[in-house]
Amino acid sequence: MRIKTAADLANLIKTTRVAQSITQAQLAAAANTGVRFIVDLEKGKPSCALDKCLHVAAMLGIHLFAEVPA
């Protein structure tokens, strides 16, 4: 999946969380963040802290990669 926007990442995180039957509160507790952060992240709020976003993704088993142009 190609991630181009905050909304793309939000969609991936929410879809993965729901598929794993994890609530927002459970994910927040596991990632050591607040529920409000998870809600904002899943809504695609562009000002969410990148390090926290990456941590939440990792908690769900999502691995993100970057491609460098040739």
PDB file of N, CA and C in Angstrom:
ATOM      1  N   MET A   1       0.852  -1.181   0.000  1.00  0.00           N
ATOM      2  CA  MET A   1       0.000   0.000   0.000  1.00  0.00           C
ATOM      3  C   MET A   1       0.889   1.233   0.000  1.00  0.00           C
ATOM      4  N   ARG A   2       0.546   2.168  -0.810  1.00  0.00           N
ATOM      5  CA  ARG A   2       1.297   3.416  -0.892  1.00  0.00           C
ATOM      6  C   ARG A   2       0.665   4.439   0.052  1.00  0.00           C
ATOM      7  N   ILE A   3       1.485   5.007   0.929  1.00  0.00           N
ATOM      8  CA  ILE A   3       1.036   6.023   1.885  1.00  0.00           C
ATOM      9  C   ILE A   3       1.509   7.380   1.376  1.00  0.00           C
ATOM     10  N   LYS A   4       0.551   8.220   0.988  1.00  0.00           N
ATOM     11  CA  LYS A   4       0.880   9.554   0.479  1.00  0.00           C
ATOM     12  C   LYS A   4       0.410  10.671   1.399  1.00  0.00           C
ATOM     13  N   THR A   5      -0.573  10.372   2.236  1.00  0.00           N
ATOM     14  CA  THR A   5      -1.153  11.413   3.088  1.00  0.00           C
ATOM     15  C   THR A   5      -1.373  10.876   4.503  1.00  0.00           C
ATOM     16  N   ALA A   6      -1.622  11.800   5.406  1.00  0.00           N
ATOM     17  CA  ALA A   6      -1.960  11.411   6.782  1.00  0.00           C
ATOM     18  C   ALA A   6      -3.229  10.557   6.776  1.00  0.00           C
ATOM     19  N   ALA A   7      -4.148  10.864   5.886  1.00  0.00           N
ATOM     20  CA  ALA A   7      -5.392  10.094   5.786  1.00  0.00           C
ATOM     21  C   ALA A   7      -5.117   8.651   5.358  1.00  0.00           C
ATOM     22  N   ASP A   8      -4.147   8.443   4.480  1.00  0.00           N
ATOM     23  CA  ASP A   8      -3.785   7.091   4.058  1.00  0.00           C
ATOM     24  C   ASP A   8      -3.269   6.283   5.248  1.00  0.00           C
ATOM     25  N   LEU A   9      -2.396   6.882   6.032  1.00  0.00           N
ATOM     26  CA  LEU A   9      -1.851   6.198   7.207  1.00  0.00           C
ATOM     27  C   LEU A   9      -2.961   5.948   8.225  1.00  0.00           C
ATOM     28  N   ALA A  10      -3.831   6.917   8.393  1.00  0.00           N
ATOM     29  CA  ALA A  10      -4.961   6.782   9.320  1.00  0.00           C
ATOM     30  C   ALA A  10      -5.825   5.594   8.945  1.00  0.00           C
ATOM     31  N   ASN A  11      -6.123   5.482   7.670  1.00  0.00           N
ATOM     32  CA  ASN A  11      -6.941   4.389   7.159  1.00  0.00           C
ATOM     33  C   ASN A  11      -6.286   3.042   7.431  1.00  0.00           C
ATOM     34  N   LEU A  12      -5.001   2.944   7.166  1.00  0.00           N
ATOM     35  CA  LEU A  12      -4.262   1.711   7.380  1.00  0.00           C
ATOM     36  C   LEU A  12      -4.272   1.322   8.856  1.00  0.00           C
ATOM     37  N   ILE A  13      -4.023   2.276   9.723  1.00  0.00           N
ATOM     38  CA  ILE A  13      -3.984   2.001  11.157  1.00  0.00           C
ATOM     39  C   ILE A  13      -5.361   1.581  11.667  1.00  0.00           C
ATOM     40  N   LYS A  14      -6.388   2.302  11.292  1.00  0.00           N
ATOM     41  CA  LYS A  14      -7.738   1.963  11.764  1.00  0.00           C
ATOM     42  C   LYS A  14      -8.179   0.602  11.237  1.00  0.00           C
ATOM     43  N   THR A  15      -7.961   0.350   9.961  1.00  0.00           N
ATOM     44  CA  THR A  15      -8.353  -0.929   9.362  1.00  0.00           C
ATOM     45  C   THR A  15      -7.637  -2.092  10.040  1.00  0.00           C
ATOM     46  N   THR A  16      -6.362  -1.918  10.305  1.00  0.00           N
ATOM     47  CA  THR A  16      -5.577  -2.968  10.962  1.00  0.00           C
ATOM     48  C   THR A  16      -6.042  -3.187  12.393  1.00  0.00           C
ATOM     49  N   ARG A  17      -6.291  -2.095  13.112  1.00  0.00           N
ATOM     50  CA  ARG A  17      -6.762  -2.203  14.497  1.00  0.00           C
ATOM     51  C   ARG A  17      -8.095  -2.942  14.559  1.00  0.00           C
ATOM     52  N   VAL A  18      -9.024  -2.570  13.710  1.00  0.00           N
ATOM     53  CA  VAL A  18     -10.345  -3.199  13.699  1.00  0.00           C
ATOM     54  C   VAL A  18     -10.233  -4.679  13.318  1.00  0.00           C
ATOM     55  N   ALA A  19      -9.390  -4.992  12.341  1.00  0.00           N
ATOM     56  CA  ALA A  19      -9.203  -6.381  11.910  1.00  0.00           C
ATOM     57  C   ALA A  19      -8.639  -7.246  13.040  1.00  0.00           C
ATOM     58  N   GLN A  20      -7.888  -6.628  13.943  1.00  0.00           N
ATOM     59  CA  GLN A  20      -7.305  -7.346  15.077  1.00  0.00           C
ATOM     60  C   GLN A  20      -8.216  -7.321  16.310  1.00  0.00           C
ATOM     61  N   SER A  21      -9.412  -6.762  16.148  1.00  0.00           N
ATOM     62  CA  SER A  21     -10.398  -6.667  17.235  1.00  0.00           C
ATOM     63  C   SER A  21      -9.832  -5.974  18.475  1.00  0.00           C
ATOM     64  N   ILE A  22      -9.101  -4.883  18.235  1.00  0.00           N
ATOM     65  CA  ILE A  22      -8.528  -4.081  19.310  1.00  0.00           C
ATOM     66  C   ILE A  22      -9.300  -2.772  19.387  1.00  0.00           C
ATOM     67  N   THR A  23      -9.679  -2.364  20.592  1.00  0.00           N
ATOM     68  CA  THR A  23     -10.373  -1.084  20.743  1.00  0.00           C
ATOM     69  C   THR A  23      -9.347   0.051  20.728  1.00  0.00           C
ATOM     70  N   GLN A  24      -9.839   1.252  20.523  1.00  0.00           N
ATOM     71  CA  GLN A  24      -8.952   2.414  20.579  1.00  0.00           C
ATOM     72  C   GLN A  24      -8.313   2.532  21.951  1.00  0.00           C
ATOM     73  N   ALA A  25      -9.070   2.259  22.995  1.00  0.00           N
ATOM     74  CA  ALA A  25      -8.541   2.333  24.364  1.00  0.00           C
ATOM     75  C   ALA A  25      -7.451   1.288  24.588  1.00  0.00           C
ATOM     76  N   GLN A  26      -7.652   0.090  24.083  1.00  0.00           N
ATOM     77  CA  GLN A  26      -6.638  -0.963  24.228  1.00  0.00           C
ATOM     78  C   GLN A  26      -5.356  -0.594  23.481  1.00  0.00           C
ATOM     79  N   LEU A  27      -5.508  -0.049  22.284  1.00  0.00           N
ATOM     80  CA  LEU A  27      -4.338   0.354  21.502  1.00  0.00           C
ATOM     81  C   LEU A  27      -3.601   1.493  22.201  1.00  0.00           C
ATOM     82  N   ALA A  28      -4.343   2.446  22.711  1.00  0.00           N
ATOM     83  CA  ALA A  28      -3.729   3.566  23.423  1.00  0.00           C
ATOM     84  C   ALA A  28      -2.932   3.067  24.626  1.00  0.00           C
ATOM     85  N   ALA A  29      -3.491   2.136  25.371  1.00  0.00           N
ATOM     86  CA  ALA A  29      -2.796   1.591  26.544  1.00  0.00           C
ATOM     87  C   ALA A  29      -1.534   0.837  26.124  1.00  0.00           C
ATOM     88  N   ALA A  30      -1.637   0.032  25.073  1.00  0.00           N
ATOM     89  CA  ALA A  30      -0.491  -0.753  24.608  1.00  0.00           C
ATOM     90  C   ALA A  30       0.622   0.136  24.068  1.00  0.00           C
ATOM     91  N   ALA A  31       0.234   1.238  23.424  1.00  0.00           N
ATOM     92  CA  ALA A  31       1.214   2.148  22.820  1.00  0.00           C
ATOM     93  C   ALA A  31       1.642   3.254  23.782  1.00  0.00           C
ATOM     94  N   ASN A  32       1.074   3.247  24.984  1.00  0.00           N
ATOM     95  CA  ASN A  32       1.389   4.271  25.986  1.00  0.00           C
ATOM     96  C   ASN A  32       1.085   5.685  25.485  1.00  0.00           C
ATOM     97  N   THR A  33      -0.084   5.823  24.883  1.00  0.00           N
ATOM     98  CA  THR A  33      -0.570   7.127  24.424  1.00  0.00           C
ATOM     99  C   THR A  33      -1.978   7.317  24.972  1.00  0.00           C
ATOM    100  N   GLY A  34      -2.524   8.482  24.770  1.00  0.00           N
ATOM    101  CA  GLY A  34      -3.901   8.719  25.173  1.00  0.00           C
ATOM    102  C   GLY A  34      -4.868   8.275  24.091  1.00  0.00           C
ATOM    103  N   VAL A  35      -6.095   7.985  24.502  1.00  0.00           N
ATOM    104  CA  VAL A  35      -7.137   7.611  23.543  1.00  0.00           C
ATOM    105  C   VAL A  35      -7.362   8.746  22.553  1.00  0.00           C
ATOM    106  N   ARG A  36      -7.295   9.989  23.029  1.00  0.00           N
ATOM    107  CA  ARG A  36      -7.488  11.148  22.151  1.00  0.00           C
ATOM    108  C   ARG A  36      -6.481  11.134  20.991  1.00  0.00           C
ATOM    109  N   PHE A  37      -5.232  10.724  21.265  1.00  0.00           N
ATOM    110  CA  PHE A  37      -4.231  10.646  20.203  1.00  0.00           C
ATOM    111  C   PHE A  37      -4.640   9.610  19.167  1.00  0.00           C
ATOM    112  N   ILE A  38      -5.111   8.458  19.609  1.00  0.00           N
ATOM    113  CA  ILE A  38      -5.530   7.400  18.678  1.00  0.00           C
ATOM    114  C   ILE A  38      -6.705   7.883  17.838  1.00  0.00           C
ATOM    115  N   VAL A  39      -7.652   8.541  18.465  1.00  0.00           N
ATOM    116  CA  VAL A  39      -8.808   9.080  17.737  1.00  0.00           C
ATOM    117  C   VAL A  39      -8.340  10.071  16.672  1.00  0.00           C
ATOM    118  N   ASP A  40      -7.474  11.003  17.052  1.00  0.00           N
ATOM    119  CA  ASP A  40      -6.963  11.997  16.098  1.00  0.00           C
ATOM    120  C   ASP A  40      -6.168  11.332  14.979  1.00  0.00           C
ATOM    121  N   LEU A  41      -5.348  10.362  15.333  1.00  0.00           N
ATOM    122  CA  LEU A  41      -4.544   9.649  14.341  1.00  0.00           C
ATOM    123  C   LEU A  41      -5.439   8.950  13.333  1.00  0.00           C
ATOM    124  N   GLU A  42      -6.458   8.272  13.809  1.00  0.00           N
ATOM    125  CA  GLU A  42      -7.358   7.537  12.922  1.00  0.00           C
ATOM    126  C   GLU A  42      -8.242   8.464  12.086  1.00  0.00           C
ATOM    127  N   LYS A  43      -8.365   9.706  12.478  1.00  0.00           N
ATOM    128  CA  LYS A  43      -9.102  10.686  11.677  1.00  0.00           C
ATOM    129  C   LYS A  43      -8.194  11.353  10.639  1.00  0.00           C
ATOM    130  N   GLY A  44      -6.889  11.043  10.709  1.00  0.00           N
ATOM    131  CA  GLY A  44      -5.956  11.600   9.736  1.00  0.00           C
ATOM    132  C   GLY A  44      -5.476  12.993  10.080  1.00  0.00           C
ATOM    133  N   LYS A  45      -5.521  13.350  11.342  1.00  0.00           N
ATOM    134  CA  LYS A  45      -5.064  14.683  11.761  1.00  0.00           C
ATOM    135  C   LYS A  45      -3.589  14.854  11.364  1.00  0.00           C
ATOM    136  N   PRO A  46      -3.283  15.803  10.499  1.00  0.00           N
ATOM    137  CA  PRO A  46      -1.928  15.926   9.971  1.00  0.00           C
ATOM    138  C   PRO A  46      -0.884  16.392  10.980  1.00  0.00           C
ATOM    139  N   SER A  47      -1.303  16.922  12.106  1.00  0.00           N
ATOM    140  CA  SER A  47      -0.323  17.421  13.071  1.00  0.00           C
ATOM    141  C   SER A  47       0.051  16.396  14.145  1.00  0.00           C
ATOM    142  N   CYS A  48      -0.397  15.142  14.006  1.00  0.00           N
ATOM    143  CA  CYS A  48      -0.006  14.105  14.964  1.00  0.00           C
ATOM    144  C   CYS A  48       1.503  13.889  14.876  1.00  0.00           C
ATOM    145  N   ALA A  49       2.121  13.695  16.015  1.00  0.00           N
ATOM    146  CA  ALA A  49       3.574  13.508  16.079  1.00  0.00           C
ATOM    147  C   ALA A  49       3.984  12.240  15.330  1.00  0.00           C
ATOM    148  N   LEU A  50       4.932  12.390  14.426  1.00  0.00           N
ATOM    149  CA  LEU A  50       5.362  11.281  13.585  1.00  0.00           C
ATOM    150  C   LEU A  50       5.902  10.114  14.405  1.00  0.00           C
ATOM    151  N   ASP A  51       6.698  10.394  15.413  1.00  0.00           N
ATOM    152  CA  ASP A  51       7.275   9.297  16.199  1.00  0.00           C
ATOM    153  C   ASP A  51       6.182   8.481  16.889  1.00  0.00           C
ATOM    154  N   LYS A  52       5.149   9.140  17.366  1.00  0.00           N
ATOM    155  CA  LYS A  52       4.040   8.425  17.987  1.00  0.00           C
ATOM    156  C   LYS A  52       3.262   7.618  16.948  1.00  0.00           C
ATOM    157  N   CYS A  53       3.071   8.200  15.773  1.00  0.00           N
ATOM    158  CA  CYS A  53       2.366   7.488  14.692  1.00  0.00           C
ATOM    159  C   CYS A  53       3.110   6.212  14.319  1.00  0.00           C
ATOM    160  N   LEU A  54       4.412   6.312  14.186  1.00  0.00           N
ATOM    161  CA  LEU A  54       5.229   5.150  13.832  1.00  0.00           C
ATOM    162  C   LEU A  54       5.187   4.099  14.942  1.00  0.00           C
ATOM    163  N   HIS A  55       5.182   4.557  16.186  1.00  0.00           N
ATOM    164  CA  HIS A  55       5.123   3.636  17.315  1.00  0.00           C
ATOM    165  C   HIS A  55       3.785   2.884  17.325  1.00  0.00           C
ATOM    166  N   VAL A  56       2.696   3.587  17.112  1.00  0.00           N
ATOM    167  CA  VAL A  56       1.376   2.958  17.073  1.00  0.00           C
ATOM    168  C   VAL A  56       1.318   1.949  15.930  1.00  0.00           C
ATOM    169  N   ALA A  57       1.820   2.331  14.764  1.00  0.00           N
ATOM    170  CA  ALA A  57       1.840   1.406  13.627  1.00  0.00           C
ATOM    171  C   ALA A  57       2.620   0.141  13.984  1.00  0.00           C
ATOM    172  N   ALA A  58       3.766   0.307  14.600  1.00  0.00           N
ATOM    173  CA  ALA A  58       4.593  -0.843  14.990  1.00  0.00           C
ATOM    174  C   ALA A  58       3.863  -1.731  16.002  1.00  0.00           C
ATOM    175  N   MET A  59       3.125  -1.123  16.917  1.00  0.00           N
ATOM    176  CA  MET A  59       2.374  -1.888  17.910  1.00  0.00           C
ATOM    177  C   MET A  59       1.337  -2.794  17.240  1.00  0.00           C
ATOM    178  N   LEU A  60       0.856  -2.370  16.075  1.00  0.00           N
ATOM    179  CA  LEU A  60      -0.126  -3.154  15.319  1.00  0.00           C
ATOM    180  C   LEU A  60       0.545  -4.151  14.370  1.00  0.00           C
ATOM    181  N   GLY A  61       1.874  -4.120  14.322  1.00  0.00           N
ATOM    182  CA  GLY A  61       2.594  -5.019  13.421  1.00  0.00           C
ATOM    183  C   GLY A  61       2.753  -4.474  12.016  1.00  0.00           C
ATOM    184  N   ILE A  62       2.496  -3.184  11.850  1.00  0.00           N
ATOM    185  CA  ILE A  62       2.637  -2.544  10.540  1.00  0.00           C
ATOM    186  C   ILE A  62       4.094  -2.135  10.360  1.00  0.00           C
ATOM    187  N   HIS A  63       4.689  -2.547   9.265  1.00  0.00           N
ATOM    188  CA  HIS A  63       6.063  -2.187   8.948  1.00  0.00           C
ATOM    189  C   HIS A  63       6.038  -1.202   7.788  1.00  0.00           C
ATOM    190  N   LEU A  64       6.602  -0.033   7.976  1.00  0.00           N
ATOM    191  CA  LEU A  64       6.617   0.985   6.928  1.00  0.00           C
ATOM    192  C   LEU A  64       8.024   1.055   6.318  1.00  0.00           C
ATOM    193  N   PHE A  65       8.065   1.181   5.011  1.00  0.00           N
ATOM    194  CA  PHE A  65       9.333   1.259   4.294  1.00  0.00           C
ATOM    195  C   PHE A  65       9.313   2.487   3.396  1.00  0.00           C
ATOM    196  N   ALA A  66      10.483   2.991   3.094  1.00  0.00           N
ATOM    197  CA  ALA A  66      10.614   4.124   2.175  1.00  0.00           C
ATOM    198  C   ALA A  66      11.440   3.683   0.972  1.00  0.00           C
ATOM    199  N   GLU A  67      11.051   4.152  -0.194  1.00  0.00           N
ATOM    200  CA  GLU A  67      11.820   3.878  -1.403  1.00  0.00           C
ATOM    201  C   GLU A  67      12.530   5.142  -1.826  1.00  0.00           C
ATOM    202  N   VAL A  68      13.782   5.004  -2.120  1.00  0.00           N
ATOM    203  CA  VAL A  68      14.573   6.129  -2.581  1.00  0.00           C
ATOM    204  C   VAL A  68      14.609   6.078  -4.107  1.00  0.00           C
ATOM    205  N   PRO A  69      14.328   7.196  -4.775  1.00  0.00           N
ATOM    206  CA  PRO A  69      14.363   7.172  -6.241  1.00  0.00           C
ATOM    207  C   PRO A  69      15.760   6.841  -6.762  1.00  0.00           C
ATOM    208  N   ALA A  70      15.785   6.129  -7.852  1.00  0.00           N
ATOM    209  CA  ALA A  70      17.063   5.720  -8.452  1.00  0.00           C
ATOM    210  C   ALA A  70      17.832   6.894  -9.003  1.00  0.00           C
TER     211      ALA A  70
END
